[in-house]
Amino acid sequence: MQPQKYWREIPQRYRTEAGKCAKCGKVFFPPRLICDKCGSREFKTVRLPETGTVHTYTVIRTAPPGATAVAPYVLAVVELGKDVKVTMQIADCGPEDVKIGDKVQVEFRKISQVGHAGIICYGYKAVLA
């Protein structure tokens, strides 16, 4: 991820903040400008739960450049609250340890390093609860 884009997404990356439509209550992560359910442009900032459930997952065996040291790893769609699904890595376990329906805890972790200066990008990962 480029540092310019990374800095714009800090509230979502650091605090898992979502936008909740003030009119119909639908929650969007990341936040949107217009609700696709009712068309409203008014949103409240809400924080997503720190626990969730594995909805589905895949095992990444051939990692992209920069992530080869952690391969194989699990990339999962985690359900956080009602109807909010977030894609994230499940850390600190082997691919054989993860099953659909497992409970996970969302944690703040190092995601990657960018550029020659080694800018460290932080974000969220899940660990089995």
N, C-alpha and C. Protein backbone atom coordinates (compact mmCIF):
# COMPACT_ATOMS: atom_id res chain seq x y z
N MET A 1 0.85 -1.17 0.00
CA MET A 1 0.00 0.00 0.00
C MET A 1 0.89 1.23 0.00
N GLN A 2 0.53 2.22 -0.80
CA GLN A 2 1.28 3.45 -0.88
C GLN A 2 1.05 4.29 0.38
N PRO A 3 2.09 4.96 0.90
CA PRO A 3 1.94 5.76 2.12
C PRO A 3 0.86 6.83 2.00
N GLN A 4 0.69 7.44 0.82
CA GLN A 4 -0.32 8.48 0.67
C GLN A 4 -1.72 7.92 0.94
N LYS A 5 -2.03 6.79 0.38
CA LYS A 5 -3.34 6.17 0.59
C LYS A 5 -3.47 5.68 2.02
N TYR A 6 -2.40 5.13 2.55
CA TYR A 6 -2.40 4.60 3.91
C TYR A 6 -2.81 5.67 4.92
N TRP A 7 -2.24 6.86 4.82
CA TRP A 7 -2.53 7.92 5.79
C TRP A 7 -3.98 8.38 5.72
N ARG A 8 -4.58 8.33 4.53
CA ARG A 8 -5.98 8.73 4.40
C ARG A 8 -6.91 7.74 5.07
N GLU A 9 -6.48 6.50 5.28
CA GLU A 9 -7.33 5.47 5.84
C GLU A 9 -7.07 5.21 7.32
N ILE A 10 -6.35 6.08 8.00
CA ILE A 10 -5.98 5.84 9.39
C ILE A 10 -7.17 5.55 10.31
N PRO A 11 -8.26 6.32 10.30
CA PRO A 11 -9.36 5.99 11.23
C PRO A 11 -9.87 4.56 11.05
N GLN A 12 -9.96 4.09 9.81
CA GLN A 12 -10.43 2.72 9.58
C GLN A 12 -9.37 1.70 10.00
N ARG A 13 -8.10 2.00 9.73
CA ARG A 13 -7.04 1.05 10.03
C ARG A 13 -6.70 0.98 11.52
N TYR A 14 -6.69 2.13 12.18
CA TYR A 14 -6.29 2.15 13.58
C TYR A 14 -7.42 1.82 14.54
N ARG A 15 -8.64 2.21 14.19
CA ARG A 15 -9.73 2.07 15.14
C ARG A 15 -10.92 1.28 14.59
N THR A 16 -10.78 0.69 13.43
CA THR A 16 -11.88 -0.02 12.75
C THR A 16 -13.19 0.76 12.87
N GLU A 17 -13.13 2.03 12.44
CA GLU A 17 -14.32 2.87 12.46
C GLU A 17 -15.14 2.66 11.19
N ALA A 18 -16.43 2.56 11.36
CA ALA A 18 -17.36 2.37 10.25
C ALA A 18 -18.32 3.54 10.22
N GLY A 19 -19.04 3.64 9.12
CA GLY A 19 -20.08 4.66 9.01
C GLY A 19 -21.45 4.00 9.13
N LYS A 20 -22.28 4.54 10.01
CA LYS A 20 -23.64 4.02 10.20
C LYS A 20 -24.61 5.07 9.68
N CYS A 21 -25.45 4.66 8.73
CA CYS A 21 -26.42 5.57 8.14
C CYS A 21 -27.35 6.09 9.23
N ALA A 22 -27.47 7.43 9.30
CA ALA A 22 -28.32 8.04 10.32
C ALA A 22 -29.80 7.81 10.04
N LYS A 23 -30.15 7.50 8.80
CA LYS A 23 -31.55 7.33 8.43
C LYS A 23 -32.04 5.88 8.60
N CYS A 24 -31.29 4.91 8.01
CA CYS A 24 -31.76 3.51 8.04
C CYS A 24 -30.95 2.59 8.94
N GLY A 25 -29.76 3.03 9.39
CA GLY A 25 -28.97 2.24 10.32
C GLY A 25 -28.01 1.26 9.70
N LYS A 26 -27.91 1.20 8.35
CA LYS A 26 -26.97 0.27 7.71
C LYS A 26 -25.55 0.72 8.01
N VAL A 27 -24.68 -0.26 8.28
CA VAL A 27 -23.28 0.03 8.64
C VAL A 27 -22.38 -0.30 7.45
N PHE A 28 -21.45 0.61 7.15
CA PHE A 28 -20.51 0.43 6.04
C PHE A 28 -19.08 0.49 6.56
N PHE A 29 -18.29 -0.49 6.14
CA PHE A 29 -16.86 -0.47 6.45
C PHE A 29 -16.11 -0.85 5.18
N PRO A 30 -15.27 0.03 4.65
CA PRO A 30 -15.02 1.38 5.14
C PRO A 30 -16.23 2.28 4.92
N PRO A 31 -16.26 3.43 5.60
CA PRO A 31 -17.40 4.34 5.46
C PRO A 31 -17.60 4.79 4.02
N ARG A 32 -18.83 5.11 3.68
CA ARG A 32 -19.18 5.62 2.34
C ARG A 32 -19.76 7.01 2.47
N LEU A 33 -19.95 7.64 1.32
CA LEU A 33 -20.56 8.96 1.30
C LEU A 33 -22.07 8.89 1.14
N ILE A 34 -22.56 7.84 0.45
CA ILE A 34 -23.99 7.69 0.18
C ILE A 34 -24.42 6.28 0.56
N CYS A 35 -25.51 6.16 1.30
CA CYS A 35 -26.05 4.86 1.68
C CYS A 35 -26.70 4.20 0.47
N ASP A 36 -26.31 2.97 0.16
CA ASP A 36 -26.89 2.29 -0.99
C ASP A 36 -28.28 1.71 -0.70
N LYS A 37 -28.69 1.76 0.55
CA LYS A 37 -30.03 1.25 0.91
C LYS A 37 -31.09 2.35 0.81
N CYS A 38 -30.78 3.54 1.34
CA CYS A 38 -31.80 4.60 1.38
C CYS A 38 -31.39 5.90 0.69
N GLY A 39 -30.13 6.00 0.26
CA GLY A 39 -29.67 7.19 -0.44
C GLY A 39 -29.26 8.34 0.46
N SER A 40 -29.29 8.17 1.75
CA SER A 40 -28.93 9.23 2.69
C SER A 40 -27.44 9.55 2.60
N ARG A 41 -27.10 10.79 2.95
CA ARG A 41 -25.70 11.23 3.00
C ARG A 41 -25.27 11.54 4.43
N GLU A 42 -26.10 11.19 5.38
CA GLU A 42 -25.79 11.47 6.78
C GLU A 42 -25.36 10.18 7.47
N PHE A 43 -24.17 10.20 8.06
CA PHE A 43 -23.62 9.03 8.72
C PHE A 43 -23.08 9.40 10.09
N LYS A 44 -23.14 8.43 11.00
CA LYS A 44 -22.50 8.55 12.30
C LYS A 44 -21.30 7.61 12.29
N THR A 45 -20.24 8.00 12.96
CA THR A 45 -19.07 7.13 13.08
C THR A 45 -19.30 6.17 14.23
N VAL A 46 -19.14 4.87 13.93
CA VAL A 46 -19.28 3.84 14.96
C VAL A 46 -18.04 2.96 14.92
N ARG A 47 -17.74 2.38 16.04
CA ARG A 47 -16.60 1.47 16.12
C ARG A 47 -17.11 0.04 16.02
N LEU A 48 -16.44 -0.76 15.20
CA LEU A 48 -16.84 -2.16 15.04
C LEU A 48 -16.41 -2.98 16.25
N PRO A 49 -17.09 -4.10 16.50
CA PRO A 49 -16.69 -4.97 17.62
C PRO A 49 -15.27 -5.51 17.43
N GLU A 50 -14.63 -5.85 18.52
CA GLU A 50 -13.26 -6.38 18.47
C GLU A 50 -13.25 -7.90 18.37
N THR A 51 -14.42 -8.52 18.33
CA THR A 51 -14.51 -9.96 18.15
C THR A 51 -15.43 -10.25 16.97
N GLY A 52 -15.21 -11.39 16.35
CA GLY A 52 -16.02 -11.75 15.20
C GLY A 52 -15.98 -13.24 14.93
N THR A 53 -16.53 -13.62 13.79
CA THR A 53 -16.64 -15.03 13.40
C THR A 53 -16.10 -15.19 11.99
N VAL A 54 -15.34 -16.27 11.74
CA VAL A 54 -14.83 -16.56 10.41
C VAL A 54 -16.00 -16.97 9.52
N HIS A 55 -16.27 -16.17 8.49
CA HIS A 55 -17.36 -16.44 7.56
C HIS A 55 -16.88 -17.40 6.47
N THR A 56 -15.69 -17.13 5.93
CA THR A 56 -15.03 -17.99 4.96
C THR A 56 -13.55 -17.63 4.95
N TYR A 57 -12.72 -18.47 4.35
CA TYR A 57 -11.28 -18.18 4.32
C TYR A 57 -10.62 -18.91 3.17
N THR A 58 -9.39 -18.49 2.90
CA THR A 58 -8.54 -19.17 1.93
C THR A 58 -7.12 -19.18 2.47
N VAL A 59 -6.32 -20.10 1.99
CA VAL A 59 -4.92 -20.19 2.39
C VAL A 59 -4.07 -19.66 1.25
N ILE A 60 -3.26 -18.67 1.54
CA ILE A 60 -2.34 -18.09 0.57
C ILE A 60 -1.01 -18.82 0.70
N ARG A 61 -0.68 -19.59 -0.32
CA ARG A 61 0.57 -20.37 -0.30
C ARG A 61 1.68 -19.68 -1.10
N THR A 62 1.32 -18.97 -2.15
CA THR A 62 2.28 -18.21 -2.94
C THR A 62 2.00 -16.74 -2.67
N ALA A 63 2.77 -16.19 -1.76
CA ALA A 63 2.52 -14.82 -1.29
C ALA A 63 3.08 -13.78 -2.25
N PRO A 64 2.52 -12.58 -2.22
CA PRO A 64 3.06 -11.49 -3.04
C PRO A 64 4.40 -11.03 -2.48
N PRO A 65 5.17 -10.28 -3.28
CA PRO A 65 6.45 -9.77 -2.77
C PRO A 65 6.25 -9.00 -1.47
N GLY A 66 7.14 -9.23 -0.53
CA GLY A 66 7.05 -8.56 0.76
C GLY A 66 6.34 -9.38 1.82
N ALA A 67 5.62 -10.42 1.41
CA ALA A 67 4.90 -11.26 2.37
C ALA A 67 5.33 -12.71 2.29
N THR A 68 6.39 -12.98 1.55
CA THR A 68 6.82 -14.37 1.37
C THR A 68 7.30 -15.02 2.65
N ALA A 69 7.76 -14.23 3.61
CA ALA A 69 8.25 -14.80 4.88
C ALA A 69 7.14 -15.38 5.73
N VAL A 70 5.90 -14.93 5.55
CA VAL A 70 4.80 -15.42 6.37
C VAL A 70 3.97 -16.50 5.68
N ALA A 71 4.26 -16.80 4.41
CA ALA A 71 3.48 -17.81 3.67
C ALA A 71 3.82 -19.20 4.19
N PRO A 72 2.86 -20.10 4.23
CA PRO A 72 1.45 -19.90 3.92
C PRO A 72 0.73 -19.21 5.08
N TYR A 73 -0.29 -18.41 4.73
CA TYR A 73 -1.08 -17.73 5.75
C TYR A 73 -2.55 -17.75 5.36
N VAL A 74 -3.39 -17.47 6.34
CA VAL A 74 -4.83 -17.52 6.13
C VAL A 74 -5.37 -16.12 5.94
N LEU A 75 -6.14 -15.93 4.88
CA LEU A 75 -6.85 -14.69 4.61
C LEU A 75 -8.33 -15.02 4.74
N ALA A 76 -9.02 -14.31 5.63
CA ALA A 76 -10.40 -14.67 5.95
C ALA A 76 -11.35 -13.49 5.79
N VAL A 77 -12.60 -13.82 5.56
CA VAL A 77 -13.68 -12.85 5.65
C VAL A 77 -14.28 -13.05 7.03
N VAL A 78 -14.16 -12.02 7.88
CA VAL A 78 -14.59 -12.10 9.27
C VAL A 78 -15.84 -11.24 9.43
N GLU A 79 -16.86 -11.82 10.03
CA GLU A 79 -18.09 -11.08 10.29
C GLU A 79 -17.96 -10.39 11.64
N LEU A 80 -18.02 -9.05 11.60
CA LEU A 80 -17.93 -8.23 12.81
C LEU A 80 -19.27 -7.54 13.00
N GLY A 81 -20.04 -8.03 13.91
CA GLY A 81 -21.36 -7.44 14.11
C GLY A 81 -22.33 -7.88 13.03
N LYS A 82 -23.47 -7.23 13.00
CA LYS A 82 -24.53 -7.62 12.07
C LYS A 82 -24.23 -7.11 10.66
N ASP A 83 -24.11 -8.01 9.73
CA ASP A 83 -23.96 -7.70 8.30
C ASP A 83 -22.70 -6.93 7.93
N VAL A 84 -21.68 -6.90 8.77
CA VAL A 84 -20.42 -6.24 8.42
C VAL A 84 -19.36 -7.32 8.29
N LYS A 85 -18.83 -7.47 7.08
CA LYS A 85 -17.79 -8.46 6.83
C LYS A 85 -16.52 -7.74 6.38
N VAL A 86 -15.39 -8.13 6.99
CA VAL A 86 -14.11 -7.49 6.73
C VAL A 86 -13.09 -8.58 6.38
N THR A 87 -12.31 -8.34 5.33
CA THR A 87 -11.25 -9.27 4.94
C THR A 87 -10.00 -8.95 5.73
N MET A 88 -9.43 -9.96 6.37
CA MET A 88 -8.21 -9.76 7.15
C MET A 88 -7.44 -11.06 7.30
N GLN A 89 -6.17 -10.93 7.59
CA GLN A 89 -5.31 -12.09 7.83
C GLN A 89 -5.59 -12.63 9.23
N ILE A 90 -5.55 -13.95 9.35
CA ILE A 90 -5.61 -14.57 10.67
C ILE A 90 -4.18 -14.96 11.02
N ALA A 91 -3.67 -14.36 12.08
CA ALA A 91 -2.26 -14.51 12.46
C ALA A 91 -2.09 -15.52 13.59
N ASP A 92 -0.84 -15.90 13.81
CA ASP A 92 -0.44 -16.74 14.93
C ASP A 92 -1.06 -18.13 14.93
N CYS A 93 -1.31 -18.68 13.75
CA CYS A 93 -1.82 -20.05 13.66
C CYS A 93 -1.47 -20.61 12.30
N GLY A 94 -1.56 -21.92 12.19
CA GLY A 94 -1.33 -22.57 10.91
C GLY A 94 -2.63 -22.67 10.12
N PRO A 95 -2.54 -22.85 8.81
CA PRO A 95 -3.75 -22.96 7.99
C PRO A 95 -4.69 -24.09 8.43
N GLU A 96 -4.14 -25.13 8.99
CA GLU A 96 -4.97 -26.26 9.42
C GLU A 96 -5.75 -25.98 10.71
N ASP A 97 -5.43 -24.89 11.40
CA ASP A 97 -6.09 -24.55 12.66
C ASP A 97 -7.39 -23.78 12.49
N VAL A 98 -7.62 -23.22 11.29
CA VAL A 98 -8.76 -22.34 11.06
C VAL A 98 -9.93 -23.11 10.46
N LYS A 99 -11.13 -22.82 10.98
CA LYS A 99 -12.36 -23.44 10.46
C LYS A 99 -13.44 -22.37 10.36
N ILE A 100 -14.35 -22.54 9.42
CA ILE A 100 -15.49 -21.63 9.30
C ILE A 100 -16.28 -21.70 10.59
N GLY A 101 -16.65 -20.53 11.11
CA GLY A 101 -17.39 -20.45 12.37
C GLY A 101 -16.52 -20.19 13.58
N ASP A 102 -15.19 -20.26 13.42
CA ASP A 102 -14.29 -19.97 14.55
C ASP A 102 -14.47 -18.54 15.02
N LYS A 103 -14.36 -18.34 16.33
CA LYS A 103 -14.39 -17.01 16.92
C LYS A 103 -12.98 -16.43 16.85
N VAL A 104 -12.90 -15.13 16.51
CA VAL A 104 -11.61 -14.46 16.41
C VAL A 104 -11.64 -13.14 17.17
N GLN A 105 -10.46 -12.69 17.54
CA GLN A 105 -10.25 -11.40 18.20
C GLN A 105 -9.49 -10.52 17.21
N VAL A 106 -9.94 -9.29 16.99
CA VAL A 106 -9.26 -8.36 16.11
C VAL A 106 -8.18 -7.64 16.90
N GLU A 107 -6.96 -7.62 16.34
CA GLU A 107 -5.84 -6.98 17.02
C GLU A 107 -5.14 -6.00 16.09
N PHE A 108 -4.48 -5.03 16.68
CA PHE A 108 -3.71 -4.02 15.98
C PHE A 108 -2.31 -4.57 15.78
N ARG A 109 -1.88 -4.69 14.52
CA ARG A 109 -0.60 -5.32 14.21
C ARG A 109 0.13 -4.61 13.08
N LYS A 110 1.42 -4.94 12.93
CA LYS A 110 2.20 -4.48 11.78
C LYS A 110 1.70 -5.23 10.55
N ILE A 111 1.43 -4.48 9.47
CA ILE A 111 0.96 -5.08 8.23
C ILE A 111 2.10 -5.22 7.24
N SER A 112 2.86 -4.14 7.04
CA SER A 112 3.93 -4.18 6.05
C SER A 112 4.90 -3.01 6.26
N GLN A 113 5.98 -3.03 5.47
CA GLN A 113 6.93 -1.93 5.40
C GLN A 113 6.98 -1.47 3.96
N VAL A 114 7.06 -0.15 3.75
CA VAL A 114 7.01 0.40 2.41
C VAL A 114 8.25 1.23 2.14
N GLY A 115 8.82 1.06 0.97
CA GLY A 115 9.90 1.91 0.50
C GLY A 115 11.24 1.65 1.16
N HIS A 116 12.23 2.42 0.69
CA HIS A 116 13.60 2.27 1.19
C HIS A 116 13.74 2.74 2.64
N ALA A 117 12.91 3.69 3.04
CA ALA A 117 12.96 4.21 4.41
C ALA A 117 12.33 3.24 5.40
N GLY A 118 11.58 2.28 4.89
CA GLY A 118 10.97 1.30 5.78
C GLY A 118 9.80 1.83 6.57
N ILE A 119 8.94 2.62 5.92
CA ILE A 119 7.74 3.13 6.60
C ILE A 119 6.89 1.94 7.01
N ILE A 120 6.58 1.85 8.30
CA ILE A 120 5.81 0.72 8.81
C ILE A 120 4.33 1.06 8.77
N CYS A 121 3.55 0.19 8.14
CA CYS A 121 2.11 0.35 8.07
C CYS A 121 1.46 -0.60 9.06
N TYR A 122 0.60 -0.07 9.91
CA TYR A 122 -0.11 -0.87 10.90
C TYR A 122 -1.57 -1.01 10.49
N GLY A 123 -2.21 -2.00 11.02
CA GLY A 123 -3.62 -2.22 10.74
C GLY A 123 -4.15 -3.34 11.59
N TYR A 124 -5.19 -3.99 11.14
CA TYR A 124 -5.84 -5.02 11.92
C TYR A 124 -5.59 -6.40 11.33
N LYS A 125 -5.45 -7.36 12.23
CA LYS A 125 -5.39 -8.78 11.90
C LYS A 125 -6.25 -9.47 12.94
N ALA A 126 -6.58 -10.71 12.68
CA ALA A 126 -7.38 -11.48 13.63
C ALA A 126 -6.53 -12.62 14.19
N VAL A 127 -6.83 -13.01 15.41
CA VAL A 127 -6.24 -14.20 16.02
C VAL A 127 -7.38 -15.05 16.55
N LEU A 128 -7.18 -16.35 16.55
CA LEU A 128 -8.22 -17.24 17.06
C LEU A 128 -8.47 -16.96 18.53
N ALA A 129 -9.74 -16.89 18.91
CA ALA A 129 -10.11 -16.57 20.29
C ALA A 129 -10.08 -17.82 21.15
